[in-house]
Amino acid sequence: TPGSAGRSTGGAFRAARLETVDEKQDNNGVWVDCRSMLLGTATAATPKGKSKASRRHSAGFGAGMSVTANWSARTRVVDVLWHSLSTTDSHLLVLQANGTVKLYDVSEDADTPEQTVSLFSAASAGGAGFAMSQAVSFCMGSSVSAGWSRATLYVLTNTGQLYSLCPVLPRRCILDLEWLEDLLETVEMDVREWQAEEYETSECIYTPPELVDARAAAKWLGQVLKLDSSKASERLYLTLPASLVQPAAAQGPYLFQPEPMPASAGDYDSDSSDASSNVGANVHAADCDPDDACSVKYMESTSGLGVGLVAIAYCDAHVEVFADLEPVIGKWADTSARGMHMRDMPVLATLASIDLTVKPLVSADQANDSRQIGPVALMADSLSPTV
């Protein structure tokens, strides 16, 4: 467990401990969230019959993620990843099913998040629409990207909708000086371009939302660069003040153009009531529908054009690949409300569809029942940051 003497070692690092399913039950059933084991800790279960205090653990990863048998499905952890721009390599991003993203510096405090951002509004997260759309996976943009995607977090829902948050940076971060200067030059060009669209009437001044975003991004980048006025190194080790780690505004859902072709209806046997009991039949995970999206990964192409690729995997074992031809820019919650209804949705260009299914040796009559269905995990090649 990270931490020095006297520092809390509870909370997140106890989150993998086995819990009693129901104190009122007579059996000795136990429950554990295996995702918590990604932190590298797992201890023995507390046997039934001990005191309530010994069976109850403090909330891990903040109050909303207490590891108990009766926790809310809305706040369960669905994905975690380490932030690649952390100076200390100790910043952990945590995604909850309700679209809440929490960033922890586990070397400092494993119980209280350094930053918290909500992808969905409180109304949509708590309303009837929640059951139809839950966050399932997220990823950071490529660490070698020349654009904003380097600091962009992409969040996928089970319905296949993709959102982004930009910028998402730890307070103690390492950034390339050239990258920051290139971004500033680009947004300053955007400011000059969109200023031509700004005009004044007798009643108001119309400012395009793109100009609002570009001005905010230029101001933010200028302030970040001023944190190290010496610029003696190509890499800047920065500690961002609170004013520069304001919550990012959710951008999306992305439009996929052209719309990906749906899977053939013949790939599934919707009439087979006992398919799961037959050899070679469709195998459904308990929480996975064939149409559900389950994983997202951002990659940098080898074309040399700096075009990012986004891959989205589905439970029917196929992957859609998109090109990020027009990456988003930094956008913050305090500026996004202005002209939000006039903003265009971000767009990804559809490139290819990849079928990952392995056709078993079955007869033609069984072909429709032989498609494997379950979550698909997308992993980056550790030997190369590009495709």
Protein backbone atom coordinates (compact mmCIF):
# COMPACT_ATOMS: atom_id res chain seq x y z
CA THR A 1 0.00 0.00 0.00
CA PRO A 2 1.47 3.40 -0.95
CA GLY A 3 1.94 5.85 1.85
CA SER A 4 4.27 6.69 4.67
CA ALA A 5 3.88 6.09 8.36
CA GLY A 6 0.73 7.65 9.73
CA ARG A 7 -0.94 7.87 6.34
CA SER A 8 -4.28 6.18 5.83
CA THR A 9 -4.06 2.73 4.29
CA GLY A 10 -7.78 2.03 4.32
CA GLY A 11 -10.45 3.03 1.87
CA ALA A 12 -9.49 2.17 -1.69
CA PHE A 13 -6.81 -0.28 -0.65
CA ARG A 14 -9.27 -2.27 1.43
CA ALA A 15 -11.80 -2.26 -1.37
CA ALA A 16 -10.90 -5.76 -2.51
CA ARG A 17 -11.76 -7.38 0.81
CA LEU A 18 -14.50 -9.95 0.79
CA GLU A 19 -17.78 -8.82 2.26
CA THR A 20 -20.72 -10.68 3.80
CA VAL A 21 -23.59 -10.77 1.32
CA ASP A 22 -26.32 -10.24 3.90
CA GLU A 23 -25.89 -10.12 7.63
CA LYS A 24 -29.39 -11.59 8.06
CA GLN A 25 -28.59 -14.70 6.01
CA ASP A 26 -27.52 -17.87 7.76
CA ASN A 27 -25.06 -18.96 5.11
CA ASN A 28 -21.50 -17.74 4.93
CA GLY A 29 -21.68 -16.33 1.42
CA VAL A 30 -19.19 -13.67 0.50
CA TRP A 31 -19.05 -10.98 -2.19
CA VAL A 32 -16.10 -9.21 -3.78
CA ASP A 33 -15.63 -6.65 -6.52
CA CYS A 34 -12.70 -8.06 -8.47
CA ARG A 35 -12.08 -4.72 -10.19
CA SER A 36 -10.73 -3.44 -6.88
CA MET A 37 -7.97 -6.03 -7.10
CA LEU A 38 -6.40 -3.96 -9.85
CA LEU A 39 -4.94 -1.96 -6.99
CA GLY A 40 -2.92 -5.02 -6.07
CA THR A 41 -4.50 -5.82 -2.71
CA ALA A 42 -6.75 -8.63 -1.54
CA THR A 43 -7.13 -9.83 2.01
CA ALA A 44 -8.99 -12.65 3.64
CA ALA A 45 -12.71 -12.45 4.15
CA THR A 46 -14.06 -11.46 7.54
CA PRO A 47 -15.94 -14.55 8.77
CA LYS A 48 -19.54 -14.26 9.80
CA GLY A 49 -20.06 -14.02 13.50
CA LYS A 50 -17.51 -11.31 14.12
CA SER A 51 -18.59 -7.93 15.37
CA LYS A 52 -20.32 -5.58 12.96
CA ALA A 53 -17.37 -3.22 13.17
CA SER A 54 -15.00 -5.92 11.99
CA ARG A 55 -17.22 -6.70 9.01
CA ARG A 56 -17.79 -3.10 7.93
CA HIS A 57 -15.18 -1.24 5.94
CA SER A 58 -14.82 2.44 5.27
CA ALA A 59 -15.81 3.78 1.86
CA GLY A 60 -13.22 3.09 -0.80
CA PHE A 61 -12.57 5.71 -3.51
CA GLY A 62 -14.82 8.23 -1.78
CA ALA A 63 -18.24 8.05 -0.23
CA GLY A 64 -19.99 6.96 -3.42
CA MET A 65 -18.05 3.71 -3.83
CA SER A 66 -18.27 1.93 -0.50
CA VAL A 67 -17.67 -1.77 -1.04
CA THR A 68 -20.71 -3.28 0.61
CA ALA A 69 -23.18 -5.95 -0.38
CA ASN A 70 -25.96 -3.40 -0.85
CA TRP A 71 -24.09 -0.77 -2.83
CA SER A 72 -25.87 1.07 -5.64
CA ALA A 73 -25.45 -0.21 -9.19
CA ARG A 74 -25.23 3.37 -10.35
CA THR A 75 -21.96 4.00 -8.57
CA ARG A 76 -20.22 0.70 -9.22
CA VAL A 77 -16.75 0.89 -10.74
CA VAL A 78 -16.69 -0.17 -14.40
CA ASP A 79 -13.16 0.80 -15.47
CA VAL A 80 -9.88 2.13 -14.10
CA LEU A 81 -6.63 3.33 -15.68
CA TRP A 82 -3.43 5.11 -14.75
CA HIS A 83 -2.99 8.65 -16.07
CA SER A 84 0.00 8.71 -18.43
CA LEU A 85 0.82 12.39 -17.75
CA SER A 86 1.27 12.04 -14.00
CA THR A 87 4.59 13.33 -12.70
CA THR A 88 4.60 10.70 -9.96
CA ASP A 89 2.96 7.84 -11.90
CA SER A 90 0.44 7.67 -9.07
CA HIS A 91 -2.72 9.18 -10.53
CA LEU A 92 -5.55 6.70 -11.02
CA LEU A 93 -8.68 7.44 -13.05
CA VAL A 94 -11.85 5.65 -11.95
CA LEU A 95 -15.07 5.42 -13.99
CA GLN A 96 -18.43 4.69 -12.38
CA ALA A 97 -21.51 3.39 -14.18
CA ASN A 98 -23.32 6.70 -13.70
CA GLY A 99 -20.69 8.50 -15.76
CA THR A 100 -18.78 9.97 -12.84
CA VAL A 101 -15.01 10.14 -13.37
CA LYS A 102 -12.77 10.44 -10.33
CA LEU A 103 -9.04 11.12 -10.37
CA TYR A 104 -7.01 9.97 -7.34
CA ASP A 105 -3.42 10.61 -6.41
CA VAL A 106 -3.03 7.33 -4.54
CA SER A 107 0.38 8.32 -3.20
CA GLU A 108 -1.25 11.18 -1.29
CA ASP A 109 -4.82 10.16 -0.48
CA ALA A 110 -6.50 6.97 -1.64
CA ASP A 111 -9.86 7.90 -0.13
CA THR A 112 -10.54 11.40 -1.44
CA PRO A 113 -10.43 12.13 -5.17
CA GLU A 114 -8.29 14.97 -6.40
CA GLN A 115 -10.87 15.75 -9.09
CA THR A 116 -14.43 14.63 -9.85
CA VAL A 117 -16.26 15.17 -13.14
CA SER A 118 -19.80 14.02 -14.00
CA LEU A 119 -20.38 13.03 -17.60
CA PHE A 120 -24.18 13.08 -17.36
CA SER A 121 -26.37 15.65 -15.70
CA ALA A 122 -27.94 14.75 -12.38
CA ALA A 123 -31.35 14.63 -14.03
CA SER A 124 -30.37 12.13 -16.70
CA ALA A 125 -28.31 10.00 -14.32
CA GLY A 126 -31.14 9.62 -11.86
CA GLY A 127 -34.05 9.46 -14.26
CA ALA A 128 -35.64 6.74 -16.31
CA GLY A 129 -33.05 7.11 -19.03
CA PHE A 130 -30.27 5.86 -16.78
CA ALA A 131 -31.14 2.21 -17.27
CA MET A 132 -30.77 2.68 -21.01
CA SER A 133 -27.36 4.34 -20.93
CA GLN A 134 -24.55 3.54 -18.52
CA ALA A 135 -20.84 4.19 -18.79
CA VAL A 136 -18.93 0.97 -19.47
CA SER A 137 -15.39 1.91 -20.54
CA PHE A 138 -13.00 4.81 -20.99
CA CYS A 139 -9.53 5.57 -22.33
CA MET A 140 -7.07 8.41 -22.68
CA GLY A 141 -5.93 9.72 -26.04
CA SER A 142 -2.53 8.78 -27.40
CA SER A 143 0.47 10.03 -25.40
CA VAL A 144 2.21 10.89 -28.69
CA SER A 145 -0.65 12.86 -30.18
CA ALA A 146 0.11 16.36 -31.38
CA GLY A 147 -3.38 17.64 -30.57
CA TRP A 148 -5.69 17.94 -27.59
CA SER A 149 -6.40 14.20 -27.61
CA ARG A 150 -3.28 13.71 -25.49
CA ALA A 151 -5.22 15.22 -22.59
CA THR A 152 -8.65 13.92 -23.63
CA LEU A 153 -10.62 11.23 -21.85
CA TYR A 154 -13.03 9.23 -24.04
CA VAL A 155 -16.00 7.65 -22.27
CA LEU A 156 -18.20 4.95 -23.81
CA THR A 157 -21.74 3.97 -22.81
CA ASN A 158 -23.37 0.58 -23.22
CA THR A 159 -25.60 2.03 -25.96
CA GLY A 160 -22.53 2.83 -28.05
CA GLN A 161 -22.52 6.58 -27.42
CA LEU A 162 -19.09 8.18 -27.09
CA TYR A 163 -18.30 11.32 -25.10
CA SER A 164 -15.08 13.15 -24.36
CA LEU A 165 -13.71 15.26 -21.51
CA CYS A 166 -10.85 17.64 -22.29
CA PRO A 167 -8.52 18.53 -20.70
CA VAL A 168 -8.21 15.93 -17.94
CA LEU A 169 -4.87 16.42 -16.21
CA PRO A 170 -3.56 15.60 -12.73
CA ARG A 171 -2.45 18.54 -10.62
CA ARG A 172 1.10 17.23 -10.70
CA CYS A 173 1.67 16.58 -14.38
CA ILE A 174 4.45 16.41 -16.95
CA LEU A 175 3.80 18.17 -20.26
CA ASP A 176 5.89 18.72 -23.38
CA LEU A 177 6.73 22.37 -23.98
CA GLU A 178 6.47 22.00 -27.76
CA TRP A 179 3.04 20.39 -27.44
CA LEU A 180 1.72 23.28 -25.36
CA GLU A 181 3.17 25.90 -27.70
CA ASP A 182 1.69 24.18 -30.76
CA LEU A 183 -1.72 24.02 -29.11
CA LEU A 184 -1.55 27.71 -28.21
CA GLU A 185 -0.59 28.64 -31.77
CA THR A 186 -3.51 26.60 -33.13
CA VAL A 187 -6.16 28.07 -30.81
CA GLU A 188 -4.90 31.61 -31.45
CA MET A 189 -5.45 30.98 -35.15
CA ASP A 190 -8.95 29.76 -34.31
CA VAL A 191 -9.62 32.95 -32.35
CA ARG A 192 -8.61 35.11 -35.30
CA GLU A 193 -10.72 33.02 -37.68
CA TRP A 194 -13.90 33.04 -35.57
CA GLN A 195 -13.63 36.72 -34.66
CA ALA A 196 -14.81 37.45 -38.18
CA GLU A 197 -18.12 35.79 -37.25
CA GLU A 198 -18.67 37.96 -34.18
CA TYR A 199 -21.00 40.91 -34.62
CA GLU A 200 -22.96 43.43 -32.57
CA THR A 201 -26.60 44.42 -32.85
CA SER A 202 -28.59 47.06 -31.05
CA GLU A 203 -29.62 44.46 -28.50
CA CYS A 204 -26.63 42.20 -28.01
CA ILE A 205 -23.25 40.97 -29.17
CA TYR A 206 -23.35 37.63 -30.96
CA THR A 207 -20.28 35.52 -30.24
CA PRO A 208 -19.98 32.12 -31.96
CA PRO A 209 -19.63 29.29 -29.40
CA GLU A 210 -16.46 28.20 -31.21
CA LEU A 211 -14.94 31.60 -30.45
CA VAL A 212 -15.91 31.27 -26.78
CA ASP A 213 -14.16 27.88 -26.64
CA ALA A 214 -11.05 29.10 -28.49
CA ARG A 215 -10.64 32.13 -26.24
CA ALA A 216 -11.02 30.00 -23.11
CA ALA A 217 -8.49 27.47 -24.42
CA ALA A 218 -5.99 30.19 -25.35
CA LYS A 219 -6.29 31.74 -21.90
CA TRP A 220 -5.81 28.36 -20.20
CA LEU A 221 -2.75 27.46 -22.29
CA GLY A 222 -1.18 30.85 -21.68
CA GLN A 223 -1.57 30.46 -17.94
CA VAL A 224 -0.12 26.94 -18.00
CA LEU A 225 2.94 28.13 -19.92
CA LYS A 226 3.50 30.94 -17.41
CA LEU A 227 3.90 28.37 -14.62
CA ASP A 228 7.42 27.69 -15.94
CA SER A 229 8.61 30.97 -17.39
CA SER A 230 12.21 29.75 -17.70
CA LYS A 231 11.29 27.03 -20.23
CA ALA A 232 14.76 25.58 -19.71
CA SER A 233 13.63 22.05 -20.49
CA GLU A 234 11.60 20.46 -23.26
CA ARG A 235 9.49 18.74 -20.61
CA LEU A 236 7.72 20.76 -17.94
CA TYR A 237 7.09 19.29 -14.50
CA LEU A 238 4.16 21.36 -13.30
CA THR A 239 1.88 21.66 -10.31
CA LEU A 240 -1.36 23.14 -11.56
CA PRO A 241 -3.21 25.57 -9.27
CA ALA A 242 -6.88 25.00 -8.55
CA SER A 243 -7.86 27.62 -11.13
CA LEU A 244 -6.35 25.47 -13.91
CA VAL A 245 -7.95 22.16 -12.93
CA GLN A 246 -11.55 23.24 -13.32
CA PRO A 247 -13.95 20.43 -14.39
CA ALA A 248 -14.00 19.78 -18.11
CA ALA A 249 -17.32 19.91 -19.95
CA ALA A 250 -18.63 16.73 -21.55
CA GLN A 251 -18.56 16.89 -25.35
CA GLY A 252 -20.80 14.60 -27.36
CA PRO A 253 -22.32 12.24 -28.05
CA TYR A 254 -20.16 11.84 -31.13
CA LEU A 255 -21.75 11.45 -34.52
CA PHE A 256 -20.50 8.51 -36.59
CA GLN A 257 -20.42 9.39 -40.29
CA PRO A 258 -21.34 7.46 -42.24
CA GLU A 259 -23.44 5.47 -39.79
CA PRO A 260 -21.86 2.03 -39.21
CA MET A 261 -23.79 -0.84 -40.78
CA PRO A 262 -25.78 -2.79 -38.18
CA ALA A 263 -24.99 -6.43 -37.60
CA SER A 264 -26.98 -8.81 -39.76
CA ALA A 265 -30.16 -9.99 -38.12
CA GLY A 266 -29.26 -13.48 -39.24
CA ASP A 267 -26.24 -13.53 -36.96
CA TYR A 268 -28.49 -14.26 -33.98
CA ASP A 269 -31.23 -16.72 -33.33
CA SER A 270 -33.81 -14.71 -31.44
CA ASP A 271 -36.32 -17.56 -31.55
CA SER A 272 -34.15 -20.10 -29.78
CA SER A 273 -35.29 -20.28 -26.16
CA ASP A 274 -32.68 -22.78 -25.03
CA ALA A 275 -29.69 -21.58 -27.03
CA SER A 276 -27.55 -21.15 -23.94
CA SER A 277 -27.84 -24.83 -23.10
CA ASN A 278 -26.67 -26.18 -26.46
CA VAL A 279 -23.13 -26.83 -27.54
CA GLY A 280 -22.07 -24.12 -29.97
CA ALA A 281 -25.06 -21.94 -29.10
CA ASN A 282 -24.98 -18.22 -28.31
CA VAL A 283 -23.38 -17.57 -24.95
CA HIS A 284 -24.76 -14.46 -23.27
CA ALA A 285 -22.99 -12.84 -20.36
CA ALA A 286 -25.36 -11.98 -17.54
CA ASP A 287 -24.94 -8.24 -18.09
CA CYS A 288 -24.10 -8.18 -21.79
CA ASP A 289 -26.54 -7.84 -24.67
CA PRO A 290 -25.30 -8.50 -28.25
CA ASP A 291 -25.91 -4.86 -29.17
CA ASP A 292 -24.08 -3.47 -26.12
CA ALA A 293 -20.81 -1.60 -26.53
CA CYS A 294 -18.24 -2.73 -23.99
CA SER A 295 -14.79 -1.25 -24.64
CA VAL A 296 -13.10 1.77 -26.25
CA LYS A 297 -9.48 2.41 -27.19
CA TYR A 298 -7.76 5.44 -28.74
CA MET A 299 -4.74 4.84 -30.98
CA GLU A 300 -2.41 6.88 -33.14
CA SER A 301 -2.22 5.82 -36.78
CA THR A 302 1.04 5.12 -38.58
CA SER A 303 0.08 7.32 -41.54
CA GLY A 304 2.29 10.14 -40.30
CA LEU A 305 -0.65 12.55 -40.58
CA GLY A 306 -1.32 12.64 -36.86
CA VAL A 307 -4.80 11.14 -37.30
CA GLY A 308 -6.14 9.41 -34.23
CA LEU A 309 -8.16 6.20 -34.42
CA VAL A 310 -10.94 5.22 -32.07
CA ALA A 311 -11.92 1.56 -31.75
CA ILE A 312 -15.22 0.55 -30.12
CA ALA A 313 -15.89 -3.10 -29.29
CA TYR A 314 -19.33 -4.67 -28.94
CA CYS A 315 -20.56 -7.75 -27.11
CA ASP A 316 -21.37 -9.51 -30.37
CA ALA A 317 -17.59 -9.71 -30.95
CA HIS A 318 -17.18 -7.02 -33.57
CA VAL A 319 -15.16 -3.80 -33.48
CA GLU A 320 -15.91 -0.51 -35.23
CA VAL A 321 -12.91 1.66 -36.13
CA PHE A 322 -13.24 5.44 -36.60
CA ALA A 323 -10.90 8.26 -37.58
CA ASP A 324 -10.72 11.32 -35.35
CA LEU A 325 -10.30 13.84 -38.19
CA GLU A 326 -11.46 16.87 -36.18
CA PRO A 327 -10.27 16.44 -32.58
CA VAL A 328 -12.07 18.41 -29.91
CA ILE A 329 -10.35 21.25 -28.06
CA GLY A 330 -10.32 21.99 -24.36
CA LYS A 331 -13.71 22.96 -22.99
CA TRP A 332 -14.65 23.76 -19.42
CA ALA A 333 -17.95 23.54 -17.60
CA ASP A 334 -17.98 27.27 -16.75
CA THR A 335 -17.90 28.25 -20.44
CA SER A 336 -19.78 25.41 -22.11
CA ALA A 337 -23.22 26.65 -21.05
CA ARG A 338 -22.87 29.69 -23.27
CA GLY A 339 -24.30 28.85 -26.66
CA MET A 340 -24.47 25.13 -25.89
CA HIS A 341 -27.62 24.69 -28.00
CA MET A 342 -25.77 26.07 -31.02
CA ARG A 343 -22.70 23.87 -30.77
CA ASP A 344 -22.19 21.15 -33.35
CA MET A 345 -21.67 17.61 -32.11
CA PRO A 346 -18.15 16.20 -32.56
CA VAL A 347 -17.79 13.78 -35.48
CA LEU A 348 -15.84 10.57 -36.08
CA ALA A 349 -15.37 9.17 -39.60
CA THR A 350 -16.29 5.50 -39.95
CA LEU A 351 -13.38 3.46 -41.34
CA ALA A 352 -13.95 -0.26 -40.87
CA SER A 353 -15.82 -3.00 -39.07
CA ILE A 354 -13.85 -6.01 -37.79
CA ASP A 355 -15.49 -9.34 -36.96
CA LEU A 356 -13.67 -11.12 -34.12
CA THR A 357 -15.83 -14.22 -33.97
CA VAL A 358 -14.29 -17.63 -34.41
CA LYS A 359 -16.63 -19.84 -36.39
CA PRO A 360 -16.88 -23.25 -34.69
CA LEU A 361 -17.05 -26.47 -36.66
CA VAL A 362 -20.80 -26.84 -36.85
CA SER A 363 -23.32 -27.66 -39.50
CA ALA A 364 -25.04 -25.00 -41.57
CA ASP A 365 -28.20 -25.52 -39.52
CA GLN A 366 -26.33 -24.43 -36.40
CA ALA A 367 -24.64 -21.42 -37.98
CA ASN A 368 -27.14 -18.95 -36.62
CA ASP A 369 -26.71 -20.29 -33.09
CA SER A 370 -22.91 -20.30 -33.00
CA ARG A 371 -22.05 -16.66 -32.43
CA GLN A 372 -20.23 -16.04 -29.16
CA ILE A 373 -21.60 -13.12 -27.17
CA GLY A 374 -19.80 -11.45 -24.29
CA PRO A 375 -17.61 -8.49 -23.33
CA VAL A 376 -14.62 -7.77 -25.56
CA ALA A 377 -11.49 -6.15 -24.10
CA LEU A 378 -9.35 -3.89 -26.29
CA MET A 379 -5.68 -3.75 -25.31
CA ALA A 380 -2.99 -1.43 -26.65
CA ASP A 381 0.26 -2.85 -28.00
CA SER A 382 2.80 -2.24 -25.24
CA LEU A 383 5.66 -2.22 -27.76
CA SER A 384 4.29 0.64 -29.83
CA PRO A 385 2.08 3.68 -29.09
CA THR A 386 0.77 3.56 -32.66
CA VAL A 387 -1.37 1.05 -34.55
